[in-house]
Protein backbone atom coordinates (compact mmCIF):
# COMPACT_ATOMS: atom_id res chain seq x y z
CA MET A 1 1.75 122.99 242.38
CA LYS A 2 2.95 119.46 241.76
CA ILE A 3 -0.64 118.22 241.73
CA LEU A 4 -1.60 121.00 239.33
CA TYR A 5 1.25 120.14 236.94
CA THR A 6 0.27 116.49 237.13
CA LEU A 7 -3.34 117.32 236.25
CA LEU A 8 -2.24 119.54 233.36
CA ALA A 9 0.04 116.81 232.06
CA LEU A 10 -2.80 114.27 232.24
CA ALA A 11 -5.15 116.67 230.44
CA ALA A 12 -2.56 117.30 227.72
CA PHE A 13 -1.99 113.57 227.34
CA ALA A 14 -5.74 112.87 227.07
CA TYR A 15 -6.19 115.67 224.51
CA GLY A 16 -3.27 114.36 222.48
CA PHE A 17 -4.70 110.86 222.58
CA VAL A 18 -8.07 112.12 221.28
CA LEU A 19 -6.29 114.06 218.52
CA LEU A 20 -4.38 110.99 217.41
CA ASP A 21 -7.42 108.71 217.64
CA VAL A 22 -9.62 110.99 215.51
CA TYR A 23 -6.84 111.57 212.97
CA VAL A 24 -6.12 107.85 212.55
CA ARG A 25 -9.78 106.79 212.46
CA GLN A 26 -11.18 109.65 210.36
CA SER A 27 -11.65 107.49 207.25
CA SER A 28 -13.72 104.89 209.10
CA ILE A 29 -15.69 107.65 210.86
CA LEU A 30 -16.40 109.47 207.61
CA TYR A 31 -17.07 106.57 205.24
CA GLY A 32 -18.11 103.56 207.33
CA PRO A 33 -17.61 101.17 204.38
CA THR A 34 -19.84 98.12 204.53
CA ALA A 35 -18.98 94.69 203.16
CA HIS A 36 -21.38 93.13 200.67
CA MET A 37 -24.66 92.03 202.18
CA GLY A 38 -27.29 90.25 200.14
CA VAL A 39 -30.49 92.31 200.19
CA LYS A 40 -33.72 92.38 198.23
CA SER A 41 -33.48 95.28 195.83
CA ALA A 42 -35.15 96.62 192.71
CA LEU A 43 -31.67 97.46 191.42
CA ARG A 44 -29.49 95.11 189.39
CA SER A 45 -25.74 94.87 189.06
CA TRP A 46 -24.16 97.59 186.90
CA THR A 47 -20.90 96.45 185.35
CA LEU A 48 -18.06 97.98 183.39
CA GLY A 49 -15.96 95.29 181.77
CA ASP A 50 -15.62 92.56 184.38
CA ARG A 51 -16.15 94.93 187.33
CA THR A 52 -19.33 95.71 189.24
CA ILE A 53 -19.28 99.49 189.65
CA GLY A 54 -22.76 99.92 191.07
CA TYR A 55 -26.42 98.97 190.82
CA ALA A 56 -29.02 100.21 188.38
CA ARG A 57 -32.53 100.31 187.03
CA GLU A 58 -31.93 100.40 183.31
CA VAL A 59 -34.63 101.67 180.95
CA ASN A 60 -34.86 101.39 177.18
CA ASN A 61 -34.66 104.85 175.60
CA PRO A 62 -34.75 106.66 178.94
CA ARG A 63 -36.12 110.18 179.24
CA MET A 64 -33.18 110.93 181.51
CA CYS A 65 -30.32 109.04 183.16
CA TRP A 66 -29.64 109.72 186.82
CA LEU A 67 -26.28 108.93 188.39
CA MET A 68 -26.57 108.75 192.17
CA PHE A 69 -23.85 109.07 194.80
CA HIS A 70 -25.09 107.74 198.12
CA GLY A 71 -24.23 108.64 201.69
CA ASN A 72 -21.81 106.79 203.95
CA ALA A 73 -22.23 103.24 205.24
CA GLY A 74 -24.49 100.71 203.57
CA GLN A 75 -23.94 100.06 199.89
CA ALA A 76 -25.33 101.07 196.49
CA GLN A 77 -27.76 98.16 196.30
CA HIS A 78 -29.60 99.54 199.37
CA ARG A 79 -30.50 102.79 197.62
CA ASP A 80 -33.51 101.63 195.62
CA TYR A 81 -35.65 103.91 197.84
CA ILE A 82 -34.81 106.75 195.44
CA LEU A 83 -36.85 105.07 192.67
CA SER A 84 -40.13 106.35 194.08
CA CYS A 85 -38.85 109.90 193.56
CA LEU A 86 -38.12 109.41 189.84
CA ASP A 87 -40.15 109.30 186.66
CA PRO A 88 -40.78 105.68 185.55
CA ASN A 89 -39.09 106.55 182.25
CA ASP A 90 -35.87 107.61 183.99
CA ALA A 91 -32.91 105.26 184.28
CA LEU A 92 -31.05 105.16 187.61
CA TYR A 93 -27.42 104.20 188.21
CA VAL A 94 -26.11 104.17 191.79
CA LEU A 95 -22.32 104.21 192.06
CA GLU A 96 -20.63 101.80 194.44
CA TYR A 97 -17.67 103.43 196.19
CA PRO A 98 -14.24 101.78 196.36
CA GLY A 99 -14.11 99.61 199.48
CA PHE A 100 -17.91 99.28 199.71
CA GLY A 101 -19.87 96.13 198.95
CA LEU A 102 -18.07 94.01 196.35
CA ARG A 103 -15.95 96.86 194.99
CA ALA A 104 -12.22 96.64 195.68
CA GLY A 105 -10.16 99.55 196.96
CA LYS A 106 -10.26 102.02 199.81
CA PRO A 107 -12.63 104.98 200.10
CA SER A 108 -11.12 108.46 199.95
CA ARG A 109 -11.92 111.73 198.23
CA GLU A 110 -9.45 110.88 195.49
CA SER A 111 -10.68 107.31 194.86
CA ILE A 112 -14.38 108.25 195.03
CA ASN A 113 -13.94 111.23 192.71
CA ALA A 114 -12.06 109.01 190.24
CA ALA A 115 -14.83 106.39 190.35
CA ALA A 116 -17.44 109.12 189.89
CA ARG A 117 -15.69 110.54 186.81
CA GLU A 118 -15.32 107.09 185.28
CA ALA A 119 -19.01 106.27 185.83
CA TYR A 120 -20.17 109.64 184.49
CA GLU A 121 -18.08 109.41 181.31
CA HIS A 122 -19.21 105.80 180.79
CA LEU A 123 -22.88 106.82 181.04
CA ARG A 124 -22.35 109.69 178.63
CA SER A 125 -20.68 107.41 176.09
CA GLN A 126 -23.44 104.79 176.37
CA ASN A 127 -26.31 107.30 176.23
CA PRO A 128 -25.43 109.94 173.63
CA GLY A 129 -28.06 112.65 173.45
CA THR A 130 -29.73 111.64 176.72
CA PRO A 131 -29.52 114.16 179.58
CA ILE A 132 -27.43 112.95 182.53
CA GLY A 133 -28.48 114.25 185.94
CA LEU A 134 -26.69 113.75 189.24
CA ILE A 135 -28.12 112.95 192.67
CA GLY A 136 -25.81 113.48 195.63
CA GLU A 137 -27.03 112.25 199.00
CA SER A 138 -25.21 113.44 202.14
CA LEU A 139 -21.55 112.44 201.66
CA GLY A 140 -22.37 111.83 197.99
CA SER A 141 -23.00 115.55 197.50
CA GLY A 142 -19.19 115.88 197.40
CA PRO A 143 -18.50 113.82 194.25
CA ALA A 144 -21.73 115.10 192.67
CA CYS A 145 -20.61 118.71 193.00
CA GLU A 146 -17.09 117.87 191.80
CA LEU A 147 -18.59 116.68 188.50
CA ALA A 148 -20.12 120.11 187.97
CA GLY A 149 -16.71 120.99 186.54
CA ALA A 150 -16.70 118.18 183.96
CA ALA A 151 -15.87 119.08 180.35
CA VAL A 152 -19.52 118.35 179.53
CA PRO A 153 -21.34 119.26 182.74
CA PRO A 154 -24.42 117.37 183.97
CA ALA A 155 -27.86 118.55 182.87
CA LYS A 156 -29.03 118.94 186.47
CA ILE A 157 -27.76 118.38 190.00
CA VAL A 158 -30.00 117.34 192.90
CA LEU A 159 -28.48 117.40 196.40
CA ILE A 160 -30.16 115.72 199.38
CA THR A 161 -29.06 116.64 202.93
CA PRO A 162 -25.78 118.09 201.55
CA PHE A 163 -22.96 120.06 203.16
CA ASP A 164 -21.39 123.37 202.17
CA SER A 165 -17.91 122.07 202.99
CA LEU A 166 -16.93 118.90 204.79
CA ALA A 167 -14.53 120.84 207.00
CA ASN A 168 -17.37 123.04 208.30
CA VAL A 169 -19.48 120.01 209.21
CA ALA A 170 -16.57 118.21 210.87
CA GLN A 171 -15.66 121.31 212.89
CA GLY A 172 -19.21 121.49 214.18
CA HIS A 173 -19.01 117.91 215.47
CA PHE A 174 -15.49 118.25 216.92
CA ARG A 175 -15.48 121.83 218.18
CA PHE A 176 -12.53 121.29 220.52
CA LEU A 177 -10.21 119.86 217.83
CA PRO A 178 -8.22 121.69 215.09
CA ILE A 179 -10.16 119.91 212.33
CA GLY A 180 -8.89 122.35 209.73
CA LEU A 181 -5.40 120.92 210.22
CA MET A 182 -6.44 117.28 210.63
CA LEU A 183 -8.95 116.63 207.85
CA ARG A 184 -7.48 114.75 204.88
CA ASP A 185 -10.51 114.64 202.55
CA ARG A 186 -11.75 118.17 201.90
CA TRP A 187 -14.80 118.29 199.68
CA ASP A 188 -15.97 121.89 199.27
CA ASN A 189 -19.32 122.02 197.50
CA VAL A 190 -19.52 125.81 197.42
CA ALA A 191 -16.25 126.04 195.51
CA ALA A 192 -17.07 123.07 193.26
CA LEU A 193 -20.36 124.60 192.11
CA GLN A 194 -19.00 128.08 191.60
CA ALA A 195 -18.84 127.94 187.79
CA TYR A 196 -21.83 125.60 187.25
CA ARG A 197 -24.75 127.20 185.42
CA GLY A 198 -27.17 124.28 185.29
CA PRO A 199 -30.12 123.87 187.68
CA VAL A 200 -29.33 122.85 191.26
CA GLU A 201 -32.04 121.62 193.63
CA ILE A 202 -31.20 121.23 197.31
CA PHE A 203 -33.34 119.18 199.70
CA ALA A 204 -32.47 119.82 203.36
CA ALA A 205 -33.83 118.21 206.53
CA LEU A 206 -34.85 120.78 209.13
CA ASP A 207 -33.94 118.58 212.10
CA ASP A 208 -30.81 117.06 210.57
CA GLU A 209 -28.45 116.02 213.36
CA VAL A 210 -25.68 114.70 211.09
CA ILE A 211 -25.36 117.59 208.62
CA PRO A 212 -27.35 120.39 210.28
CA PHE A 213 -29.74 122.38 208.12
CA ARG A 214 -27.52 125.48 208.24
CA HIS A 215 -24.96 123.81 205.98
CA ALA A 216 -27.45 123.15 203.18
CA LYS A 217 -28.82 126.67 203.56
CA ALA A 218 -25.30 128.11 203.36
CA LEU A 219 -24.72 126.16 200.16
CA ALA A 220 -28.00 127.41 198.66
CA ASP A 221 -27.28 130.99 199.73
CA GLN A 222 -23.84 130.93 198.13
CA HIS A 223 -24.85 129.28 194.85
CA ARG A 224 -26.91 131.75 192.90
CA GLY A 225 -29.89 130.20 191.17
CA SER A 226 -30.17 127.08 193.33
CA THR A 227 -33.56 126.09 194.76
CA LEU A 228 -33.80 125.10 198.43
CA HIS A 229 -36.51 122.67 199.55
CA MET A 230 -37.04 122.19 203.29
CA MET A 231 -38.07 118.74 204.53
CA PRO A 232 -39.31 117.82 208.02
CA GLY A 233 -37.39 115.27 210.08
CA GLY A 234 -33.80 114.20 210.52
CA HIS A 235 -30.94 113.20 208.27
CA ASN A 236 -32.27 109.81 207.14
CA ASP A 237 -36.01 110.28 207.66
CA TRP A 238 -36.68 111.32 204.06
CA SER A 239 -35.50 107.93 202.72
CA ARG A 240 -37.89 106.07 205.02
CA ASN A 241 -40.86 108.29 204.18
């Protein structure tokens, strides 16, 4: 019995250690912020006042302005691969998250949502009469869907490898942990899109190992009027091909 109690105590200690480790490190696991790295890019610095808030391809008299929220890791300057998906007459603005690249701060749901609102309102003020569309890639589907509730909602929302709720995805990766009690940043795209009446296009990767396909399908199933496009390959394959 003594050996059994010892083994149970060791198991409880190990489980508690894993709980604590995941709880403390969840921000770095979720966001993976990357310091500024000089890269060749078709995008140029996008500033507001004396701050760089992202990178952009600006167009005179654009047909449409797209505001993109990228996935975790990397930085906004790396996301020029989206240009090949857009009309040449469209302008593109990729938001840099707090704590990524040259942007000061720490990434969190609160700080990223605040940066997203600021960027969206700035684009609207600088481009009166021009439709503003949103592109949310992976993690970026969270702030994109949050802006569906803006006073003047976006003209269109495009989501690439998105989640239904971040808690559902996290629970799938950490099945043995009480993620519902541990998760601090709780984006819920289903709830955020509930009142949005504009067009929503969802592009999901069939072999996605990071945000499995079922999450994008659940989002499409629960948002009436959305269009689901199925792509071959894994989570990041679409950006390379």
